[in-house]
Amino acid sequence: MPPAPGGEKDPHSMHPAPRAIAFFDVDETLIKVKSLIRFLAFHWARTGQDPSRFAAARAAHLRRQAAGTPRTELNRAFFRNFQGADAARLADAGRAWFDSETRRDGLFHQPVLDALHVHRRAGDLIVLVSGSFLPCLAPVAEAVHADAVLCTDVEERDGVLTGEIGIPVIGPRKAVLARRMMRARGVAPGACAAYGDHDTDAELLRAVGRPVVVGDNPLLGALARRHGWERLSLVAPPTPVVP
């Protein structure tokens, strides 16, 4: 399954329309980490960069965040850390990063992964939606048998990243791409589901008939109470005491 970057390509466009589509935010929803940040640290360590380089990049990101820089601009700025990287080597590094993360203590949030499997068994199309990029997301998509990936496109010249990107798949952009896919596949939004954990996933959740709030984000929690949305806890229930 070749994932579709940016939501512009659907490798299953010739297949019959699915009954429904299930859209999954990735970072801290389907997986436990922020993929771009963890992958950059892994990639630079793998290529022999001094650890202080990542520390400086992370500190600069946090300063911009604290200064109120819009999330889309934070996303653009962070991608500039990949300027000059070879695209094919990044893809290889992505697979190695994924293997490293899954060995550490499990990469996936099990309750969300279980929900994804329920959708898969029901015949729903599984679509990952993320502001991250394919080197991180392709191995995740392959592991969960996702049908498509809607993510940020990176600019390349002669197989080398320029550090610039297309429209970041952040906030309302996720909803735009989800609606585009639902129209293209002829699937009613009311039949579809979406899973998200952050304020910026609100528009994606509003775009479907079955929004699912993952975790305990205050804004999404308030929307869930107001509109009767489903909620999915990431905390495992206590093991019952057997007398």
C-alpha atoms as a PDB file:
ATOM      1  CA  MET A   1       0.000   0.000   0.000  1.00  0.00           C
ATOM      2  CA  PRO A   2       1.704   3.220  -1.119  1.00  0.00           C
ATOM      3  CA  PRO A   3       0.385   5.920   1.257  1.00  0.00           C
ATOM      4  CA  ALA A   4      -0.977   9.057  -0.362  1.00  0.00           C
ATOM      5  CA  PRO A   5       0.847  12.197   0.799  1.00  0.00           C
ATOM      6  CA  GLY A   6      -1.084  15.419   1.151  1.00  0.00           C
ATOM      7  CA  GLY A   7      -4.399  13.766   0.412  1.00  0.00           C
ATOM      8  CA  GLU A   8      -3.944  14.308  -3.332  1.00  0.00           C
ATOM      9  CA  LYS A   9      -3.685  10.644  -4.306  1.00  0.00           C
ATOM     10  CA  ASP A  10      -5.804   7.669  -3.327  1.00  0.00           C
ATOM     11  CA  PRO A  11      -4.232   4.335  -4.362  1.00  0.00           C
ATOM     12  CA  HIS A  12      -7.653   2.669  -3.971  1.00  0.00           C
ATOM     13  CA  SER A  13      -9.579   5.034  -6.254  1.00  0.00           C
ATOM     14  CA  MET A  14     -10.602   2.188  -8.579  1.00  0.00           C
ATOM     15  CA  HIS A  15     -11.991   0.035  -5.768  1.00  0.00           C
ATOM     16  CA  PRO A  16     -15.687  -0.014  -4.801  1.00  0.00           C
ATOM     17  CA  ALA A  17     -16.719   2.676  -2.338  1.00  0.00           C
ATOM     18  CA  PRO A  18     -16.374   1.561   1.281  1.00  0.00           C
ATOM     19  CA  ARG A  19     -19.289   1.607   3.704  1.00  0.00           C
ATOM     20  CA  ALA A  20     -17.494   4.200   5.807  1.00  0.00           C
ATOM     21  CA  ILE A  21     -14.113   5.823   6.397  1.00  0.00           C
ATOM     22  CA  ALA A  22     -12.330   5.946   9.751  1.00  0.00           C
ATOM     23  CA  PHE A  23      -9.861   8.846  10.041  1.00  0.00           C
ATOM     24  CA  PHE A  24      -7.120   8.600  12.670  1.00  0.00           C
ATOM     25  CA  ASP A  25      -4.878  11.412  13.836  1.00  0.00           C
ATOM     26  CA  VAL A  26      -1.468   9.834  14.441  1.00  0.00           C
ATOM     27  CA  ASP A  27       0.745  11.637  16.975  1.00  0.00           C
ATOM     28  CA  GLU A  28      -0.426  11.055  20.552  1.00  0.00           C
ATOM     29  CA  THR A  29      -3.658   9.527  19.225  1.00  0.00           C
ATOM     30  CA  LEU A  30      -2.744   6.333  17.401  1.00  0.00           C
ATOM     31  CA  ILE A  31       0.861   6.401  18.614  1.00  0.00           C
ATOM     32  CA  LYS A  32       2.241   7.616  21.940  1.00  0.00           C
ATOM     33  CA  VAL A  33       4.814  10.103  20.670  1.00  0.00           C
ATOM     34  CA  LYS A  34       5.246  13.173  18.469  1.00  0.00           C
ATOM     35  CA  SER A  35       6.718  11.485  15.429  1.00  0.00           C
ATOM     36  CA  LEU A  36       8.523  14.457  13.849  1.00  0.00           C
ATOM     37  CA  ILE A  37      10.407  15.328  17.015  1.00  0.00           C
ATOM     38  CA  ARG A  38      11.352  11.758  17.867  1.00  0.00           C
ATOM     39  CA  PHE A  39      12.316  10.989  14.295  1.00  0.00           C
ATOM     40  CA  LEU A  40      14.554  14.058  13.952  1.00  0.00           C
ATOM     41  CA  ALA A  41      16.438  13.061  17.113  1.00  0.00           C
ATOM     42  CA  PHE A  42      16.802   9.496  15.788  1.00  0.00           C
ATOM     43  CA  HIS A  43      17.858  10.617  12.297  1.00  0.00           C
ATOM     44  CA  TRP A  44      20.491  13.047  13.533  1.00  0.00           C
ATOM     45  CA  ALA A  45      21.886  10.504  16.005  1.00  0.00           C
ATOM     46  CA  ARG A  46      21.990   7.913  13.224  1.00  0.00           C
ATOM     47  CA  THR A  47      23.950  10.266  10.983  1.00  0.00           C
ATOM     48  CA  GLY A  48      26.472  11.164  13.701  1.00  0.00           C
ATOM     49  CA  GLN A  49      25.240  14.655  14.545  1.00  0.00           C
ATOM     50  CA  ASP A  50      26.289  16.163  17.860  1.00  0.00           C
ATOM     51  CA  PRO A  51      23.417  15.790  20.390  1.00  0.00           C
ATOM     52  CA  SER A  52      23.646  19.522  21.067  1.00  0.00           C
ATOM     53  CA  ARG A  53      22.258  20.164  17.586  1.00  0.00           C
ATOM     54  CA  PHE A  54      18.974  18.470  18.435  1.00  0.00           C
ATOM     55  CA  ALA A  55      18.868  20.155  21.845  1.00  0.00           C
ATOM     56  CA  ALA A  56      19.218  23.546  20.138  1.00  0.00           C
ATOM     57  CA  ALA A  57      16.536  22.738  17.554  1.00  0.00           C
ATOM     58  CA  ARG A  58      14.163  21.554  20.267  1.00  0.00           C
ATOM     59  CA  ALA A  59      14.814  24.674  22.369  1.00  0.00           C
ATOM     60  CA  ALA A  60      14.138  26.934  19.371  1.00  0.00           C
ATOM     61  CA  HIS A  61      10.868  25.100  18.722  1.00  0.00           C
ATOM     62  CA  LEU A  62       9.769  25.542  22.339  1.00  0.00           C
ATOM     63  CA  ARG A  63      10.648  29.249  22.268  1.00  0.00           C
ATOM     64  CA  ARG A  64       8.492  29.775  19.175  1.00  0.00           C
ATOM     65  CA  GLN A  65       5.698  27.796  20.781  1.00  0.00           C
ATOM     66  CA  ALA A  66       5.877  29.868  23.991  1.00  0.00           C
ATOM     67  CA  ALA A  67       5.827  33.066  21.920  1.00  0.00           C
ATOM     68  CA  GLY A  68       2.484  32.039  20.433  1.00  0.00           C
ATOM     69  CA  THR A  69       3.684  31.134  16.939  1.00  0.00           C
ATOM     70  CA  PRO A  70       0.772  29.548  15.028  1.00  0.00           C
ATOM     71  CA  ARG A  71       0.932  25.767  14.866  1.00  0.00           C
ATOM     72  CA  THR A  72       1.165  25.761  11.057  1.00  0.00           C
ATOM     73  CA  GLU A  73       4.247  28.004  11.228  1.00  0.00           C
ATOM     74  CA  LEU A  74       5.776  25.831  13.947  1.00  0.00           C
ATOM     75  CA  ASN A  75       5.295  22.881  11.624  1.00  0.00           C
ATOM     76  CA  ARG A  76       6.969  24.690   8.706  1.00  0.00           C
ATOM     77  CA  ALA A  77       9.875  25.811  10.877  1.00  0.00           C
ATOM     78  CA  PHE A  78      10.484  22.328  12.235  1.00  0.00           C
ATOM     79  CA  PHE A  79      10.616  20.786   8.763  1.00  0.00           C
ATOM     80  CA  ARG A  80      13.505  23.107   7.900  1.00  0.00           C
ATOM     81  CA  ASN A  81      15.641  20.915  10.153  1.00  0.00           C
ATOM     82  CA  PHE A  82      15.485  18.305   7.376  1.00  0.00           C
ATOM     83  CA  GLN A  83      16.962  20.620   4.741  1.00  0.00           C
ATOM     84  CA  GLY A  84      19.604  18.783   2.712  1.00  0.00           C
ATOM     85  CA  ALA A  85      18.485  15.302   3.750  1.00  0.00           C
ATOM     86  CA  ASP A  86      18.436  12.592   1.098  1.00  0.00           C
ATOM     87  CA  ALA A  87      14.827  11.445   0.597  1.00  0.00           C
ATOM     88  CA  ALA A  88      15.678   7.758   0.050  1.00  0.00           C
ATOM     89  CA  ARG A  89      17.869   7.652   3.149  1.00  0.00           C
ATOM     90  CA  LEU A  90      15.128   9.321   5.178  1.00  0.00           C
ATOM     91  CA  ALA A  91      12.729   6.571   4.115  1.00  0.00           C
ATOM     92  CA  ASP A  92      15.221   3.951   5.321  1.00  0.00           C
ATOM     93  CA  ALA A  93      15.720   5.883   8.551  1.00  0.00           C
ATOM     94  CA  GLY A  94      11.950   5.976   9.044  1.00  0.00           C
ATOM     95  CA  ARG A  95      11.728   2.212   8.991  1.00  0.00           C
ATOM     96  CA  ALA A  96      14.644   1.942  11.427  1.00  0.00           C
ATOM     97  CA  TRP A  97      13.044   4.589  13.683  1.00  0.00           C
ATOM     98  CA  PHE A  98       9.754   2.710  13.705  1.00  0.00           C
ATOM     99  CA  ASP A  99      11.488  -0.555  14.620  1.00  0.00           C
ATOM    100  CA  SER A 100      13.372   1.211  17.422  1.00  0.00           C
ATOM    101  CA  GLU A 101      10.205   2.789  18.841  1.00  0.00           C
ATOM    102  CA  THR A 102       8.199  -0.438  18.758  1.00  0.00           C
ATOM    103  CA  ARG A 103      11.001  -2.313  20.536  1.00  0.00           C
ATOM    104  CA  ARG A 104      11.297   0.305  23.280  1.00  0.00           C
ATOM    105  CA  ASP A 105       7.986  -0.144  25.114  1.00  0.00           C
ATOM    106  CA  GLY A 106       5.308  -0.223  22.459  1.00  0.00           C
ATOM    107  CA  LEU A 107       4.585   2.621  20.081  1.00  0.00           C
ATOM    108  CA  PHE A 108       0.815   2.340  19.743  1.00  0.00           C
ATOM    109  CA  HIS A 109      -1.957   3.370  22.093  1.00  0.00           C
ATOM    110  CA  GLN A 110      -3.629  -0.004  22.435  1.00  0.00           C
ATOM    111  CA  PRO A 111      -7.229   1.258  22.898  1.00  0.00           C
ATOM    112  CA  VAL A 112      -6.992   3.266  19.674  1.00  0.00           C
ATOM    113  CA  LEU A 113      -5.328   0.399  17.827  1.00  0.00           C
ATOM    114  CA  ASP A 114      -8.126  -1.892  19.002  1.00  0.00           C
ATOM    115  CA  ALA A 115     -10.701   0.581  17.663  1.00  0.00           C
ATOM    116  CA  LEU A 116      -8.864   0.695  14.331  1.00  0.00           C
ATOM    117  CA  HIS A 117      -9.044  -3.092  14.083  1.00  0.00           C
ATOM    118  CA  VAL A 118     -12.807  -2.953  14.709  1.00  0.00           C
ATOM    119  CA  HIS A 119     -13.171  -0.546  11.780  1.00  0.00           C
ATOM    120  CA  ARG A 120     -10.981  -2.730   9.608  1.00  0.00           C
ATOM    121  CA  ARG A 121     -13.098  -5.816  10.344  1.00  0.00           C
ATOM    122  CA  ALA A 122     -16.232  -3.833   9.513  1.00  0.00           C
ATOM    123  CA  GLY A 123     -14.816  -3.059   6.075  1.00  0.00           C
ATOM    124  CA  ASP A 124     -14.195   0.652   6.714  1.00  0.00           C
ATOM    125  CA  LEU A 125     -11.429   2.443   4.848  1.00  0.00           C
ATOM    126  CA  ILE A 126      -8.605   3.280   7.293  1.00  0.00           C
ATOM    127  CA  VAL A 127      -7.026   6.693   6.725  1.00  0.00           C
ATOM    128  CA  LEU A 128      -4.229   8.266   8.778  1.00  0.00           C
ATOM    129  CA  VAL A 129      -4.248  12.086   8.984  1.00  0.00           C
ATOM    130  CA  SER A 130      -1.139  13.870  10.243  1.00  0.00           C
ATOM    131  CA  GLY A 131       1.036  16.962  10.066  1.00  0.00           C
ATOM    132  CA  SER A 132       4.033  14.621   9.993  1.00  0.00           C
ATOM    133  CA  PHE A 133       5.508  13.160   6.785  1.00  0.00           C
ATOM    134  CA  LEU A 134       5.886   9.837   5.025  1.00  0.00           C
ATOM    135  CA  PRO A 135       9.289   8.740   6.361  1.00  0.00           C
ATOM    136  CA  CYS A 136       7.653   8.527   9.814  1.00  0.00           C
ATOM    137  CA  LEU A 137       4.153   7.592   8.711  1.00  0.00           C
ATOM    138  CA  ALA A 138       4.698   4.977   6.005  1.00  0.00           C
ATOM    139  CA  PRO A 139       5.897   2.263   8.437  1.00  0.00           C
ATOM    140  CA  VAL A 140       3.057   3.126  10.828  1.00  0.00           C
ATOM    141  CA  ALA A 141       0.564   2.829   7.969  1.00  0.00           C
ATOM    142  CA  GLU A 142       2.027  -0.487   6.859  1.00  0.00           C
ATOM    143  CA  ALA A 143       1.863  -1.869  10.395  1.00  0.00           C
ATOM    144  CA  VAL A 144      -1.864  -1.077  10.791  1.00  0.00           C
ATOM    145  CA  HIS A 145      -2.751  -1.828   7.137  1.00  0.00           C
ATOM    146  CA  ALA A 146      -4.000   1.710   6.541  1.00  0.00           C
ATOM    147  CA  ASP A 147      -5.510   2.356   3.119  1.00  0.00           C
ATOM    148  CA  ALA A 148      -4.243   5.922   2.728  1.00  0.00           C
ATOM    149  CA  VAL A 149      -2.250   8.612   4.499  1.00  0.00           C
ATOM    150  CA  LEU A 150      -3.109  12.302   4.373  1.00  0.00           C
ATOM    151  CA  CYS A 151       0.022  14.122   5.471  1.00  0.00           C
ATOM    152  CA  THR A 152       2.358  17.036   4.858  1.00  0.00           C
ATOM    153  CA  ASP A 153       4.166  17.000   1.512  1.00  0.00           C
ATOM    154  CA  VAL A 154       7.851  17.918   1.548  1.00  0.00           C
ATOM    155  CA  GLU A 155       9.574  19.712  -1.303  1.00  0.00           C
ATOM    156  CA  GLU A 156      12.407  17.835  -3.014  1.00  0.00           C
ATOM    157  CA  ARG A 157      14.964  18.748  -5.637  1.00  0.00           C
ATOM    158  CA  ASP A 158      16.863  15.887  -7.226  1.00  0.00           C
ATOM    159  CA  GLY A 159      15.897  13.614  -4.331  1.00  0.00           C
ATOM    160  CA  VAL A 160      17.056  16.053  -1.643  1.00  0.00           C
ATOM    161  CA  LEU A 161      14.736  17.877   0.768  1.00  0.00           C
ATOM    162  CA  THR A 162      14.786  21.665   0.487  1.00  0.00           C
ATOM    163  CA  GLY A 163      13.368  22.119   3.991  1.00  0.00           C
ATOM    164  CA  GLU A 164      10.170  23.632   2.591  1.00  0.00           C
ATOM    165  CA  ILE A 165       6.741  21.981   2.567  1.00  0.00           C
ATOM    166  CA  GLY A 166       3.299  22.316   1.014  1.00  0.00           C
ATOM    167  CA  ILE A 167       0.250  23.191   3.098  1.00  0.00           C
ATOM    168  CA  PRO A 168       0.778  21.775   6.610  1.00  0.00           C
ATOM    169  CA  VAL A 169      -1.821  19.135   7.455  1.00  0.00           C
ATOM    170  CA  ILE A 170      -2.611  20.857  10.734  1.00  0.00           C
ATOM    171  CA  GLY A 171      -5.931  21.932  12.273  1.00  0.00           C
ATOM    172  CA  PRO A 172      -8.649  22.793   9.720  1.00  0.00           C
ATOM    173  CA  ARG A 173      -6.543  21.364   6.876  1.00  0.00           C
ATOM    174  CA  LYS A 174      -7.201  17.884   8.262  1.00  0.00           C
ATOM    175  CA  ALA A 175     -10.936  18.465   7.887  1.00  0.00           C
ATOM    176  CA  VAL A 176     -10.491  19.834   4.348  1.00  0.00           C
ATOM    177  CA  LEU A 177      -8.647  16.698   3.242  1.00  0.00           C
ATOM    178  CA  ALA A 178     -11.062  14.383   5.049  1.00  0.00           C
ATOM    179  CA  ARG A 179     -14.070  16.006   3.361  1.00  0.00           C
ATOM    180  CA  ARG A 180     -12.282  15.805   0.015  1.00  0.00           C
ATOM    181  CA  MET A 181     -11.710  12.094   0.467  1.00  0.00           C
ATOM    182  CA  MET A 182     -15.291  11.445   1.580  1.00  0.00           C
ATOM    183  CA  ARG A 183     -16.588  13.223  -1.528  1.00  0.00           C
ATOM    184  CA  ALA A 184     -14.147  11.406  -3.802  1.00  0.00           C
ATOM    185  CA  ARG A 185     -15.185   8.032  -2.392  1.00  0.00           C
ATOM    186  CA  GLY A 186     -18.883   8.834  -2.350  1.00  0.00           C
ATOM    187  CA  VAL A 187     -19.174   8.186   1.380  1.00  0.00           C
ATOM    188  CA  ALA A 188     -21.588  10.173   3.541  1.00  0.00           C
ATOM    189  CA  PRO A 189     -19.850  12.058   6.382  1.00  0.00           C
ATOM    190  CA  GLY A 190     -22.505  10.804   8.772  1.00  0.00           C
ATOM    191  CA  ALA A 191     -21.278   7.249   8.232  1.00  0.00           C
ATOM    192  CA  CYS A 192     -17.649   8.107   8.988  1.00  0.00           C
ATOM    193  CA  ALA A 193     -15.598   8.247  12.184  1.00  0.00           C
ATOM    194  CA  ALA A 194     -12.608  10.326  13.263  1.00  0.00           C
ATOM    195  CA  TYR A 195     -10.238  10.005  16.219  1.00  0.00           C
ATOM    196  CA  GLY A 196      -8.213  12.897  17.666  1.00  0.00           C
ATOM    197  CA  ASP A 197      -6.554  13.995  20.895  1.00  0.00           C
ATOM    198  CA  HIS A 198      -5.748  17.720  20.508  1.00  0.00           C
ATOM    199  CA  ASP A 199      -7.562  21.061  20.204  1.00  0.00           C
ATOM    200  CA  THR A 200      -6.457  21.241  16.582  1.00  0.00           C
ATOM    201  CA  ASP A 201      -8.292  17.999  15.786  1.00  0.00           C
ATOM    202  CA  ALA A 202     -11.668  19.614  16.564  1.00  0.00           C
ATOM    203  CA  GLU A 203     -12.468  20.469  12.939  1.00  0.00           C
ATOM    204  CA  LEU A 204     -11.618  16.948  11.808  1.00  0.00           C
ATOM    205  CA  LEU A 205     -13.949  15.546  14.454  1.00  0.00           C
ATOM    206  CA  ARG A 206     -16.736  17.939  13.418  1.00  0.00           C
ATOM    207  CA  ALA A 207     -16.406  16.749   9.810  1.00  0.00           C
ATOM    208  CA  VAL A 208     -17.802  13.267  10.524  1.00  0.00           C
ATOM    209  CA  GLY A 209     -20.862  11.689  12.060  1.00  0.00           C
ATOM    210  CA  ARG A 210     -18.952   9.698  14.658  1.00  0.00           C
ATOM    211  CA  PRO A 211     -16.285  11.823  16.357  1.00  0.00           C
ATOM    212  CA  VAL A 212     -14.190  10.104  19.009  1.00  0.00           C
ATOM    213  CA  VAL A 213     -12.167  12.139  21.517  1.00  0.00           C
ATOM    214  CA  VAL A 214      -9.018  10.312  22.554  1.00  0.00           C
ATOM    215  CA  GLY A 215      -7.577  11.083  25.988  1.00  0.00           C
ATOM    216  CA  ASP A 216      -8.423  13.951  28.305  1.00  0.00           C
ATOM    217  CA  ASN A 217      -7.935  17.171  26.304  1.00  0.00           C
ATOM    218  CA  PRO A 218     -10.095  19.839  28.055  1.00  0.00           C
ATOM    219  CA  LEU A 219     -11.431  21.518  24.900  1.00  0.00           C
ATOM    220  CA  LEU A 220     -12.310  18.267  23.171  1.00  0.00           C
ATOM    221  CA  GLY A 221     -13.783  16.973  26.414  1.00  0.00           C
ATOM    222  CA  ALA A 222     -16.079  20.010  26.581  1.00  0.00           C
ATOM    223  CA  LEU A 223     -17.144  19.477  22.972  1.00  0.00           C
ATOM    224  CA  ALA A 224     -17.798  15.814  23.708  1.00  0.00           C
ATOM    225  CA  ARG A 225     -20.068  16.683  26.627  1.00  0.00           C
ATOM    226  CA  ARG A 226     -21.887  19.362  24.649  1.00  0.00           C
ATOM    227  CA  HIS A 227     -22.462  17.308  21.499  1.00  0.00           C
ATOM    228  CA  GLY A 228     -22.551  13.769  22.856  1.00  0.00           C
ATOM    229  CA  TRP A 229     -19.345  12.679  21.148  1.00  0.00           C
ATOM    230  CA  GLU A 230     -17.714   9.399  22.064  1.00  0.00           C
ATOM    231  CA  ARG A 231     -14.669   9.394  24.325  1.00  0.00           C
ATOM    232  CA  LEU A 232     -11.854   6.875  24.446  1.00  0.00           C
ATOM    233  CA  SER A 233      -9.644   6.722  27.507  1.00  0.00           C
ATOM    234  CA  LEU A 234      -5.953   5.946  27.166  1.00  0.00           C
ATOM    235  CA  VAL A 235      -5.764   4.784  30.774  1.00  0.00           C
ATOM    236  CA  ALA A 236      -6.111   1.041  31.176  1.00  0.00           C
ATOM    237  CA  PRO A 237      -8.864   0.041  33.603  1.00  0.00           C
ATOM    238  CA  PRO A 238      -7.654  -1.421  36.904  1.00  0.00           C
ATOM    239  CA  THR A 239      -7.285  -5.157  37.049  1.00  0.00           C
ATOM    240  CA  PRO A 240     -10.101  -6.587  39.164  1.00  0.00           C
ATOM    241  CA  VAL A 241      -9.116  -8.245  42.405  1.00  0.00           C
ATOM    242  CA  VAL A 242     -10.037 -11.922  42.341  1.00  0.00           C
ATOM    243  CA  PRO A 243     -11.049 -13.153  45.822  1.00  0.00           C
END
